[in-house]
Amino acid sequence: MSINNVPLFAGPIEGMIWAFGWTAIIIVIWHLRGRRKEKKLELIHKERLAAMEKGIPLPELPEYEESSRPGLVELLAAGRVNPRWPLGIAVLLVMGGAGTTLAMYLSGDPFHRQVWPFGMIPIFLGVGFVLFYGVMHRGAKS
């Protein structure tokens, strides 16, 4: 199936390039982060060796973690998640869905005129998040 002689789906070669390309990008990012952490540890080691050679008291060891920001699991375990997170997600979904719906409905393309209701899906998901917040918020008050 194609629209205006442009294929809707790429062939298997393009799909493999897409999948392996993203995998390669993720591996490169992971490698670069590891090298940055390794250089940081090497610098700390050199500073400590220089201090030992000069007889200066050793500098305190900094945290070796790349960042001191807690992850999502730690935040959830500590209960430090903003209780209004469903409202933020709801706003994003409703506005994104409304924009998508309006753009497809107003476009002159007949295919977009047929599929504009698909933009309603994120709108109703956003309304569901607002209802979820209302139910949970009301339940927390009692």
N, C-alpha and C. Protein backbone atom coordinates (compact mmCIF):
# COMPACT_ATOMS: atom_id res chain seq x y z
N MET A 1 0.85 -1.17 0.00
CA MET A 1 0.00 0.00 0.00
C MET A 1 0.89 1.24 0.00
N SER A 2 0.53 2.22 -0.78
CA SER A 2 1.33 3.44 -0.84
C SER A 2 0.42 4.64 -1.03
N ILE A 3 0.91 5.77 -0.60
CA ILE A 3 0.21 7.04 -0.77
C ILE A 3 1.11 7.93 -1.60
N ASN A 4 0.60 8.40 -2.72
CA ASN A 4 1.37 9.27 -3.62
C ASN A 4 2.70 8.63 -3.99
N ASN A 5 2.68 7.33 -4.27
CA ASN A 5 3.87 6.57 -4.68
C ASN A 5 4.97 6.55 -3.64
N VAL A 6 4.62 6.78 -2.37
CA VAL A 6 5.57 6.66 -1.27
C VAL A 6 5.15 5.46 -0.45
N PRO A 7 6.01 4.46 -0.30
CA PRO A 7 5.60 3.26 0.44
C PRO A 7 5.35 3.60 1.91
N LEU A 8 4.28 2.99 2.46
CA LEU A 8 3.97 3.21 3.87
C LEU A 8 4.95 2.49 4.78
N PHE A 9 5.36 1.30 4.38
CA PHE A 9 6.26 0.51 5.20
C PHE A 9 7.55 0.25 4.42
N ALA A 10 8.65 0.40 5.08
CA ALA A 10 9.94 0.14 4.45
C ALA A 10 10.14 -1.36 4.36
N GLY A 11 11.07 -1.75 3.55
CA GLY A 11 11.36 -3.17 3.39
C GLY A 11 12.16 -3.70 4.57
N PRO A 12 12.48 -4.97 4.54
CA PRO A 12 13.20 -5.59 5.66
C PRO A 12 14.61 -5.04 5.84
N ILE A 13 15.24 -4.64 4.75
CA ILE A 13 16.59 -4.09 4.87
C ILE A 13 16.57 -2.77 5.63
N GLU A 14 15.61 -1.91 5.28
CA GLU A 14 15.51 -0.62 5.98
C GLU A 14 15.14 -0.83 7.45
N GLY A 15 14.30 -1.81 7.71
CA GLY A 15 13.93 -2.11 9.10
C GLY A 15 15.12 -2.59 9.92
N MET A 16 15.96 -3.42 9.32
CA MET A 16 17.14 -3.90 10.03
C MET A 16 18.13 -2.76 10.25
N ILE A 17 18.29 -1.90 9.24
CA ILE A 17 19.19 -0.75 9.40
C ILE A 17 18.67 0.14 10.53
N TRP A 18 17.37 0.36 10.58
CA TRP A 18 16.77 1.19 11.63
C TRP A 18 17.03 0.57 13.01
N ALA A 19 16.75 -0.72 13.17
CA ALA A 19 16.90 -1.37 14.47
C ALA A 19 18.36 -1.43 14.90
N PHE A 20 19.23 -1.87 14.00
CA PHE A 20 20.64 -1.97 14.36
C PHE A 20 21.30 -0.60 14.47
N GLY A 21 20.78 0.37 13.74
CA GLY A 21 21.32 1.73 13.86
C GLY A 21 21.06 2.29 15.25
N TRP A 22 19.84 2.14 15.75
CA TRP A 22 19.55 2.62 17.11
C TRP A 22 20.35 1.84 18.14
N THR A 23 20.50 0.55 17.92
CA THR A 23 21.31 -0.26 18.84
C THR A 23 22.75 0.23 18.84
N ALA A 24 23.29 0.54 17.68
CA ALA A 24 24.66 1.04 17.60
C ALA A 24 24.79 2.39 18.30
N ILE A 25 23.81 3.25 18.12
CA ILE A 25 23.85 4.56 18.80
C ILE A 25 23.84 4.39 20.31
N ILE A 26 23.01 3.51 20.81
CA ILE A 26 22.94 3.27 22.26
C ILE A 26 24.26 2.70 22.77
N ILE A 27 24.86 1.78 22.03
CA ILE A 27 26.15 1.21 22.46
C ILE A 27 27.24 2.28 22.47
N VAL A 28 27.26 3.15 21.47
CA VAL A 28 28.26 4.22 21.42
C VAL A 28 28.08 5.16 22.62
N ILE A 29 26.85 5.53 22.92
CA ILE A 29 26.60 6.41 24.08
C ILE A 29 27.05 5.73 25.36
N TRP A 30 26.74 4.46 25.50
CA TRP A 30 27.13 3.70 26.69
C TRP A 30 28.66 3.65 26.80
N HIS A 31 29.33 3.43 25.69
CA HIS A 31 30.79 3.38 25.68
C HIS A 31 31.40 4.73 26.06
N LEU A 32 30.86 5.82 25.49
CA LEU A 32 31.39 7.14 25.80
C LEU A 32 31.18 7.50 27.27
N ARG A 33 30.06 7.14 27.83
CA ARG A 33 29.84 7.38 29.26
C ARG A 33 30.83 6.59 30.11
N GLY A 34 31.09 5.35 29.71
CA GLY A 34 32.06 4.53 30.44
C GLY A 34 33.46 5.12 30.36
N ARG A 35 33.84 5.63 29.18
CA ARG A 35 35.16 6.25 29.05
C ARG A 35 35.27 7.50 29.90
N ARG A 36 34.19 8.29 29.95
CA ARG A 36 34.21 9.50 30.76
C ARG A 36 34.37 9.16 32.24
N LYS A 37 33.67 8.12 32.68
CA LYS A 37 33.79 7.69 34.08
C LYS A 37 35.19 7.16 34.35
N GLU A 38 35.76 6.43 33.40
CA GLU A 38 37.11 5.89 33.56
C GLU A 38 38.15 7.02 33.65
N LYS A 39 38.00 8.05 32.81
CA LYS A 39 38.93 9.18 32.87
C LYS A 39 38.81 9.92 34.20
N LYS A 40 37.59 10.04 34.70
CA LYS A 40 37.38 10.70 35.98
C LYS A 40 38.06 9.92 37.11
N LEU A 41 37.93 8.61 37.10
CA LEU A 41 38.58 7.78 38.12
C LEU A 41 40.10 7.84 37.99
N GLU A 42 40.59 7.89 36.76
CA GLU A 42 42.03 7.98 36.54
C GLU A 42 42.58 9.30 37.07
N LEU A 43 41.84 10.38 36.86
CA LEU A 43 42.26 11.68 37.38
C LEU A 43 42.28 11.69 38.91
N ILE A 44 41.29 11.10 39.52
CA ILE A 44 41.26 11.01 40.99
C ILE A 44 42.45 10.20 41.48
N HIS A 45 42.77 9.11 40.79
CA HIS A 45 43.90 8.26 41.18
C HIS A 45 45.23 9.04 41.06
N LYS A 46 45.39 9.79 39.97
CA LYS A 46 46.62 10.58 39.79
C LYS A 46 46.75 11.64 40.88
N GLU A 47 45.64 12.30 41.23
CA GLU A 47 45.69 13.31 42.28
C GLU A 47 46.10 12.69 43.60
N ARG A 48 45.58 11.53 43.91
CA ARG A 48 45.91 10.86 45.17
C ARG A 48 47.38 10.40 45.17
N LEU A 49 47.87 9.89 44.03
CA LEU A 49 49.28 9.49 43.96
C LEU A 49 50.20 10.70 44.13
N ALA A 50 49.85 11.82 43.50
CA ALA A 50 50.67 13.03 43.64
C ALA A 50 50.67 13.52 45.08
N ALA A 51 49.54 13.43 45.74
CA ALA A 51 49.47 13.85 47.14
C ALA A 51 50.30 12.93 48.02
N MET A 52 50.29 11.64 47.75
CA MET A 52 51.09 10.69 48.54
C MET A 52 52.58 10.94 48.34
N GLU A 53 53.00 11.25 47.10
CA GLU A 53 54.41 11.51 46.82
C GLU A 53 54.89 12.76 47.53
N LYS A 54 54.05 13.77 47.64
CA LYS A 54 54.43 15.03 48.27
C LYS A 54 54.24 15.01 49.78
N GLY A 55 53.60 13.95 50.29
CA GLY A 55 53.38 13.87 51.72
C GLY A 55 52.21 14.71 52.21
N ILE A 56 51.39 15.15 51.30
CA ILE A 56 50.21 15.94 51.65
C ILE A 56 49.11 14.96 52.07
N PRO A 57 48.27 15.37 53.03
CA PRO A 57 47.16 14.48 53.38
C PRO A 57 46.30 14.19 52.13
N LEU A 58 45.87 12.96 52.03
CA LEU A 58 45.12 12.53 50.86
C LEU A 58 43.78 13.27 50.78
N PRO A 59 43.43 13.72 49.60
CA PRO A 59 42.10 14.33 49.45
C PRO A 59 41.03 13.28 49.67
N GLU A 60 39.89 13.74 50.15
CA GLU A 60 38.81 12.80 50.39
C GLU A 60 38.33 12.20 49.08
N LEU A 61 37.91 10.97 49.19
CA LEU A 61 37.42 10.29 48.00
C LEU A 61 36.03 10.82 47.65
N PRO A 62 35.90 11.31 46.44
CA PRO A 62 34.55 11.73 46.02
C PRO A 62 33.70 10.49 45.72
N GLU A 63 32.42 10.72 45.55
CA GLU A 63 31.56 9.60 45.18
C GLU A 63 31.93 9.17 43.76
N TYR A 64 32.00 7.88 43.57
CA TYR A 64 32.36 7.36 42.27
C TYR A 64 31.16 7.24 41.34
N GLU A 65 29.99 7.45 41.87
CA GLU A 65 28.80 7.38 41.02
C GLU A 65 28.83 8.51 40.01
N GLU A 66 28.30 8.25 38.83
CA GLU A 66 28.29 9.25 37.77
C GLU A 66 27.41 10.43 38.14
N SER A 67 26.27 10.15 38.75
CA SER A 67 25.40 11.22 39.19
C SER A 67 24.79 10.82 40.52
N SER A 68 24.51 11.82 41.32
CA SER A 68 23.93 11.54 42.63
C SER A 68 22.41 11.59 42.58
N ARG A 69 21.86 11.79 41.38
CA ARG A 69 20.41 11.82 41.25
C ARG A 69 19.85 10.42 41.46
N PRO A 70 18.81 10.30 42.28
CA PRO A 70 18.22 8.97 42.44
C PRO A 70 17.42 8.58 41.22
N GLY A 71 17.36 7.29 40.98
CA GLY A 71 16.59 6.79 39.85
C GLY A 71 15.11 6.73 40.19
N LEU A 72 14.32 6.31 39.22
CA LEU A 72 12.88 6.25 39.40
C LEU A 72 12.51 5.25 40.49
N VAL A 73 13.20 4.12 40.54
CA VAL A 73 12.89 3.10 41.54
C VAL A 73 13.14 3.65 42.94
N GLU A 74 14.25 4.37 43.13
CA GLU A 74 14.55 4.93 44.44
C GLU A 74 13.53 6.00 44.83
N LEU A 75 13.12 6.81 43.85
CA LEU A 75 12.11 7.83 44.14
C LEU A 75 10.78 7.20 44.55
N LEU A 76 10.38 6.16 43.83
CA LEU A 76 9.13 5.50 44.16
C LEU A 76 9.21 4.83 45.53
N ALA A 77 10.36 4.22 45.84
CA ALA A 77 10.51 3.56 47.13
C ALA A 77 10.49 4.58 48.27
N ALA A 78 11.05 5.76 48.04
CA ALA A 78 11.09 6.78 49.08
C ALA A 78 9.77 7.56 49.16
N GLY A 79 8.90 7.37 48.20
CA GLY A 79 7.63 8.09 48.20
C GLY A 79 7.78 9.56 47.87
N ARG A 80 8.83 9.92 47.12
CA ARG A 80 9.08 11.32 46.82
C ARG A 80 8.66 11.69 45.40
N VAL A 81 7.64 11.05 44.89
CA VAL A 81 7.14 11.36 43.57
C VAL A 81 6.05 12.41 43.72
N ASN A 82 6.03 13.38 42.84
CA ASN A 82 5.02 14.41 42.89
C ASN A 82 3.65 13.77 42.76
N PRO A 83 2.74 14.04 43.70
CA PRO A 83 1.43 13.39 43.64
C PRO A 83 0.56 13.87 42.48
N ARG A 84 0.96 14.94 41.82
CA ARG A 84 0.17 15.45 40.70
C ARG A 84 0.70 15.00 39.34
N TRP A 85 1.54 13.97 39.31
CA TRP A 85 2.10 13.52 38.05
C TRP A 85 1.02 13.13 37.04
N PRO A 86 -0.14 12.56 37.45
CA PRO A 86 -1.14 12.23 36.43
C PRO A 86 -1.67 13.47 35.71
N LEU A 87 -1.71 14.61 36.40
CA LEU A 87 -2.20 15.82 35.75
C LEU A 87 -1.23 16.31 34.68
N GLY A 88 0.06 16.22 34.94
CA GLY A 88 1.05 16.63 33.95
C GLY A 88 0.98 15.76 32.70
N ILE A 89 0.87 14.45 32.91
CA ILE A 89 0.77 13.54 31.78
C ILE A 89 -0.53 13.79 31.03
N ALA A 90 -1.60 14.06 31.78
CA ALA A 90 -2.90 14.32 31.15
C ALA A 90 -2.85 15.54 30.25
N VAL A 91 -2.21 16.60 30.72
CA VAL A 91 -2.12 17.81 29.91
C VAL A 91 -1.35 17.53 28.62
N LEU A 92 -0.24 16.82 28.72
CA LEU A 92 0.53 16.49 27.52
C LEU A 92 -0.28 15.65 26.54
N LEU A 93 -0.98 14.64 27.05
CA LEU A 93 -1.76 13.78 26.17
C LEU A 93 -2.92 14.54 25.52
N VAL A 94 -3.65 15.32 26.31
CA VAL A 94 -4.80 16.03 25.76
C VAL A 94 -4.36 17.05 24.71
N MET A 95 -3.34 17.82 25.03
CA MET A 95 -2.88 18.83 24.07
C MET A 95 -2.27 18.19 22.82
N GLY A 96 -1.49 17.14 23.00
CA GLY A 96 -0.92 16.45 21.84
C GLY A 96 -2.00 15.82 20.98
N GLY A 97 -2.98 15.20 21.62
CA GLY A 97 -4.08 14.60 20.88
C GLY A 97 -4.93 15.63 20.17
N ALA A 98 -5.20 16.75 20.86
CA ALA A 98 -6.00 17.81 20.24
C ALA A 98 -5.27 18.40 19.04
N GLY A 99 -3.98 18.63 19.18
CA GLY A 99 -3.19 19.17 18.07
C GLY A 99 -3.15 18.21 16.90
N THR A 100 -2.95 16.92 17.19
CA THR A 100 -2.90 15.93 16.12
C THR A 100 -4.26 15.82 15.42
N THR A 101 -5.32 15.78 16.22
CA THR A 101 -6.66 15.68 15.64
C THR A 101 -6.96 16.87 14.75
N LEU A 102 -6.69 18.06 15.26
CA LEU A 102 -6.97 19.27 14.51
C LEU A 102 -6.13 19.35 13.23
N ALA A 103 -4.83 19.01 13.35
CA ALA A 103 -3.95 19.08 12.18
C ALA A 103 -4.41 18.11 11.09
N MET A 104 -4.77 16.89 11.50
CA MET A 104 -5.20 15.92 10.49
C MET A 104 -6.56 16.29 9.90
N TYR A 105 -7.45 16.81 10.73
CA TYR A 105 -8.77 17.17 10.23
C TYR A 105 -8.69 18.35 9.26
N LEU A 106 -7.83 19.32 9.56
CA LEU A 106 -7.74 20.51 8.72
C LEU A 106 -6.84 20.34 7.50
N SER A 107 -6.06 19.27 7.47
CA SER A 107 -5.20 19.08 6.29
C SER A 107 -6.08 18.72 5.08
N GLY A 108 -5.59 19.02 3.93
CA GLY A 108 -6.36 18.75 2.73
C GLY A 108 -6.23 17.32 2.23
N ASP A 109 -5.39 16.53 2.86
CA ASP A 109 -5.15 15.16 2.41
C ASP A 109 -6.36 14.27 2.74
N PRO A 110 -6.90 13.56 1.75
CA PRO A 110 -8.07 12.72 2.03
C PRO A 110 -7.77 11.59 3.01
N PHE A 111 -6.55 11.07 3.01
CA PHE A 111 -6.20 10.01 3.97
C PHE A 111 -6.24 10.55 5.40
N HIS A 112 -5.72 11.76 5.60
CA HIS A 112 -5.75 12.36 6.94
C HIS A 112 -7.18 12.64 7.38
N ARG A 113 -8.03 12.98 6.44
CA ARG A 113 -9.44 13.21 6.78
C ARG A 113 -10.11 11.92 7.24
N GLN A 114 -9.61 10.79 6.79
CA GLN A 114 -10.19 9.51 7.22
C GLN A 114 -9.68 9.07 8.59
N VAL A 115 -8.45 9.41 8.92
CA VAL A 115 -7.85 8.88 10.15
C VAL A 115 -7.76 9.92 11.27
N TRP A 116 -8.40 11.09 11.12
CA TRP A 116 -8.29 12.10 12.16
C TRP A 116 -8.81 11.63 13.51
N PRO A 117 -9.76 10.70 13.61
CA PRO A 117 -10.21 10.28 14.94
C PRO A 117 -9.14 9.57 15.77
N PHE A 118 -8.07 9.09 15.13
CA PHE A 118 -7.01 8.46 15.91
C PHE A 118 -6.36 9.44 16.88
N GLY A 119 -6.43 10.72 16.61
CA GLY A 119 -5.93 11.72 17.54
C GLY A 119 -6.75 11.82 18.80
N MET A 120 -7.95 11.23 18.79
CA MET A 120 -8.80 11.24 19.98
C MET A 120 -8.30 10.26 21.04
N ILE A 121 -7.51 9.29 20.65
CA ILE A 121 -7.02 8.29 21.61
C ILE A 121 -6.23 8.95 22.72
N PRO A 122 -5.20 9.78 22.43
CA PRO A 122 -4.49 10.41 23.54
C PRO A 122 -5.36 11.39 24.33
N ILE A 123 -6.36 11.98 23.69
CA ILE A 123 -7.25 12.88 24.42
C ILE A 123 -8.00 12.09 25.50
N PHE A 124 -8.55 10.95 25.13
CA PHE A 124 -9.29 10.16 26.10
C PHE A 124 -8.35 9.54 27.14
N LEU A 125 -7.13 9.21 26.76
CA LEU A 125 -6.16 8.75 27.76
C LEU A 125 -5.88 9.86 28.77
N GLY A 126 -5.73 11.09 28.29
CA GLY A 126 -5.51 12.22 29.19
C GLY A 126 -6.69 12.44 30.12
N VAL A 127 -7.90 12.33 29.59
CA VAL A 127 -9.09 12.46 30.43
C VAL A 127 -9.10 11.34 31.47
N GLY A 128 -8.66 10.16 31.09
CA GLY A 128 -8.56 9.05 32.04
C GLY A 128 -7.57 9.35 33.15
N PHE A 129 -6.45 9.98 32.83
CA PHE A 129 -5.49 10.36 33.86
C PHE A 129 -6.08 11.41 34.81
N VAL A 130 -6.86 12.35 34.27
CA VAL A 130 -7.51 13.34 35.14
C VAL A 130 -8.49 12.65 36.07
N LEU A 131 -9.28 11.71 35.55
CA LEU A 131 -10.20 10.96 36.39
C LEU A 131 -9.46 10.14 37.43
N PHE A 132 -8.36 9.53 37.03
CA PHE A 132 -7.53 8.77 37.97
C PHE A 132 -7.05 9.66 39.10
N TYR A 133 -6.57 10.85 38.76
CA TYR A 133 -6.11 11.78 39.78
C TYR A 133 -7.26 12.17 40.71
N GLY A 134 -8.43 12.44 40.12
CA GLY A 134 -9.58 12.82 40.94
C GLY A 134 -9.99 11.72 41.90
N VAL A 135 -10.02 10.50 41.42
CA VAL A 135 -10.40 9.38 42.28
C VAL A 135 -9.36 9.16 43.38
N MET A 136 -8.08 9.19 43.02
CA MET A 136 -7.03 8.96 44.01
C MET A 136 -6.93 10.11 45.00
N HIS A 137 -7.11 11.34 44.51
CA HIS A 137 -7.03 12.50 45.38
C HIS A 137 -8.19 12.52 46.36
N ARG A 138 -9.38 12.19 45.88
CA ARG A 138 -10.55 12.16 46.74
C ARG A 138 -10.41 11.03 47.76
N GLY A 139 -9.85 9.90 47.34
CA GLY A 139 -9.66 8.77 48.24
C GLY A 139 -8.61 9.07 49.31
N ALA A 140 -7.64 9.91 49.00
CA ALA A 140 -6.59 10.24 49.96
C ALA A 140 -7.11 11.19 51.04
N LYS A 141 -8.13 12.02 50.72
CA LYS A 141 -8.67 12.95 51.69
C LYS A 141 -9.46 12.25 52.79
N SER A 142 -10.15 11.15 52.44
CA SER A 142 -10.99 10.51 53.45
C SER A 142 -10.24 9.58 54.36
